[in-house]
Amino acid sequence: MNANYKILSYILLCFFLLSATVTLSAQAELQRMQERLPQTDALRLSGKVGENNRGLLEARTELTPEERAIVNAENADRISLYRQIARNQKRVRRGSGRQRAIRIAQQARSGVWLQNAAGEWLQKP
């Protein structure tokens, strides 16, 4: 099993254990995210996309229609998961995404572009 896959699985598991029950919808979203992991990893490592401070992928360069579709699908699943977490914890979705952004930044591989709280893009050393 790929190290990135293990890290993502661990992060997502911890994130959802902390946020109460995982619905069937969330399980489907997590599965799709895991299936997209090779493509999203490649986009992150190429520098074409980065992880923004809201817990979403964001284009840093021009993307092909296929790449844009991958980013849009990933973000749609993430937003849906953040909404479910916010409902479970009775808070706004923005807080869920920002907390996830912090975890993503901590676990990101060297070379990945990350957006800090001030909106500045920095490449992880």
Protein backbone atom coordinates (compact mmCIF):
# COMPACT_ATOMS: atom_id res chain seq x y z
CA MET A 1 0.00 0.00 0.00
CA ASN A 2 1.33 3.42 -1.01
CA ALA A 3 2.52 5.65 1.88
CA ASN A 4 0.32 8.57 0.75
CA TYR A 5 -2.71 6.31 0.71
CA LYS A 6 -1.94 5.20 4.27
CA ILE A 7 -1.50 8.79 5.43
CA LEU A 8 -4.73 9.94 3.76
CA SER A 9 -6.63 6.98 5.15
CA TYR A 10 -5.30 7.63 8.65
CA ILE A 11 -6.10 11.36 8.48
CA LEU A 12 -9.60 10.76 7.20
CA LEU A 13 -10.25 8.04 9.76
CA CYS A 14 -9.13 10.28 12.64
CA PHE A 15 -11.09 13.20 11.24
CA PHE A 16 -14.30 11.20 11.10
CA LEU A 17 -13.85 9.38 14.38
CA LEU A 18 -13.66 12.80 15.99
CA SER A 19 -16.76 13.97 14.19
CA ALA A 20 -19.16 11.22 15.34
CA THR A 21 -20.92 8.93 12.89
CA VAL A 22 -19.88 8.36 9.31
CA THR A 23 -22.88 8.15 7.03
CA LEU A 24 -23.16 5.91 4.01
CA SER A 25 -22.79 9.03 1.88
CA ALA A 26 -19.54 9.89 3.66
CA GLN A 27 -18.26 6.38 3.10
CA ALA A 28 -18.94 6.72 -0.63
CA GLU A 29 -17.21 10.10 -0.72
CA LEU A 30 -14.18 8.72 1.12
CA GLN A 31 -14.00 5.83 -1.34
CA ARG A 32 -14.06 8.19 -4.32
CA MET A 33 -11.36 10.35 -2.71
CA GLN A 34 -9.18 7.27 -2.18
CA GLU A 35 -9.70 6.22 -5.80
CA ARG A 36 -8.68 9.71 -6.98
CA LEU A 37 -5.61 9.83 -4.72
CA PRO A 38 -3.06 8.91 -7.43
CA GLN A 39 -4.35 11.74 -9.65
CA THR A 40 -4.63 14.32 -6.87
CA ASP A 41 -1.16 13.37 -5.60
CA ALA A 42 0.28 13.84 -9.09
CA LEU A 43 -1.38 17.25 -9.42
CA ARG A 44 -0.10 18.35 -6.00
CA LEU A 45 3.46 17.12 -6.60
CA SER A 46 3.58 18.74 -10.05
CA GLY A 47 2.70 22.08 -8.45
CA LYS A 48 -0.37 22.48 -10.65
CA VAL A 49 -2.61 22.50 -7.57
CA GLY A 50 -2.08 23.27 -3.94
CA GLU A 51 -3.99 22.80 -0.72
CA ASN A 52 -5.71 26.05 0.19
CA ASN A 53 -6.48 27.30 3.69
CA ARG A 54 -10.08 26.10 3.46
CA GLY A 55 -9.19 22.44 3.05
CA LEU A 56 -9.74 22.37 -0.70
CA LEU A 57 -7.56 21.85 -3.75
CA GLU A 58 -6.91 25.03 -5.71
CA ALA A 59 -5.38 25.42 -9.16
CA ARG A 60 -2.04 27.23 -9.22
CA THR A 61 -1.56 26.98 -12.98
CA GLU A 62 -3.74 26.35 -16.01
CA LEU A 63 -5.36 22.90 -15.82
CA THR A 64 -6.56 20.64 -18.61
CA PRO A 65 -10.28 19.89 -18.64
CA GLU A 66 -9.52 16.41 -17.22
CA GLU A 67 -7.40 17.86 -14.41
CA ARG A 68 -10.07 20.47 -13.65
CA ALA A 69 -12.67 17.68 -13.44
CA ILE A 70 -10.50 15.79 -10.93
CA VAL A 71 -10.09 18.91 -8.77
CA ASN A 72 -13.80 19.73 -8.96
CA ALA A 73 -14.81 16.17 -8.00
CA GLU A 74 -12.34 16.12 -5.11
CA ASN A 75 -13.54 19.46 -3.80
CA ALA A 76 -17.21 18.50 -4.13
CA ASP A 77 -16.60 15.40 -2.00
CA ARG A 78 -14.57 17.37 0.55
CA ILE A 79 -17.25 20.07 0.85
CA SER A 80 -19.92 17.43 1.34
CA LEU A 81 -17.86 15.77 4.08
CA TYR A 82 -17.18 19.11 5.78
CA ARG A 83 -20.92 19.86 5.78
CA GLN A 84 -21.67 16.52 7.40
CA ILE A 85 -19.02 17.14 10.04
CA ALA A 86 -20.33 20.64 10.68
CA ARG A 87 -23.86 19.26 11.15
CA ASN A 88 -22.59 16.60 13.55
CA GLN A 89 -20.60 19.14 15.54
CA LYS A 90 -23.11 21.97 15.14
CA ARG A 91 -20.71 24.49 13.64
CA VAL A 92 -20.16 26.19 10.32
CA ARG A 93 -18.60 24.25 7.44
CA ARG A 94 -15.83 26.81 7.07
CA GLY A 95 -14.46 25.76 10.48
CA SER A 96 -14.38 22.10 9.42
CA GLY A 97 -12.50 22.91 6.23
CA ARG A 98 -10.01 25.16 7.99
CA GLN A 99 -9.28 22.49 10.61
CA ARG A 100 -8.79 19.95 7.85
CA ALA A 101 -6.47 22.39 6.03
CA ILE A 102 -4.22 22.47 9.10
CA ARG A 103 -4.07 18.67 9.19
CA ILE A 104 -3.42 18.48 5.46
CA ALA A 105 -0.54 20.95 5.80
CA GLN A 106 0.98 18.95 8.66
CA GLN A 107 0.85 15.70 6.67
CA ALA A 108 1.72 17.09 3.23
CA ARG A 109 4.79 15.82 1.44
CA SER A 110 7.76 18.01 0.70
CA GLY A 111 7.21 20.12 -2.40
CA VAL A 112 3.44 20.48 -2.02
CA TRP A 113 2.08 24.04 -2.23
CA LEU A 114 0.10 25.11 0.84
CA GLN A 115 -1.83 28.29 1.48
CA ASN A 116 -1.36 29.79 4.93
CA ALA A 117 -4.08 31.55 6.95
CA ALA A 118 -3.10 34.91 5.40
CA GLY A 119 -3.66 33.51 1.89
CA GLU A 120 0.01 33.28 0.95
CA TRP A 121 1.23 30.25 -1.00
CA LEU A 122 4.31 28.47 0.36
CA GLN A 123 5.97 25.31 -0.86
CA LYS A 124 6.51 22.81 1.92
CA PRO A 125 10.25 22.22 2.40
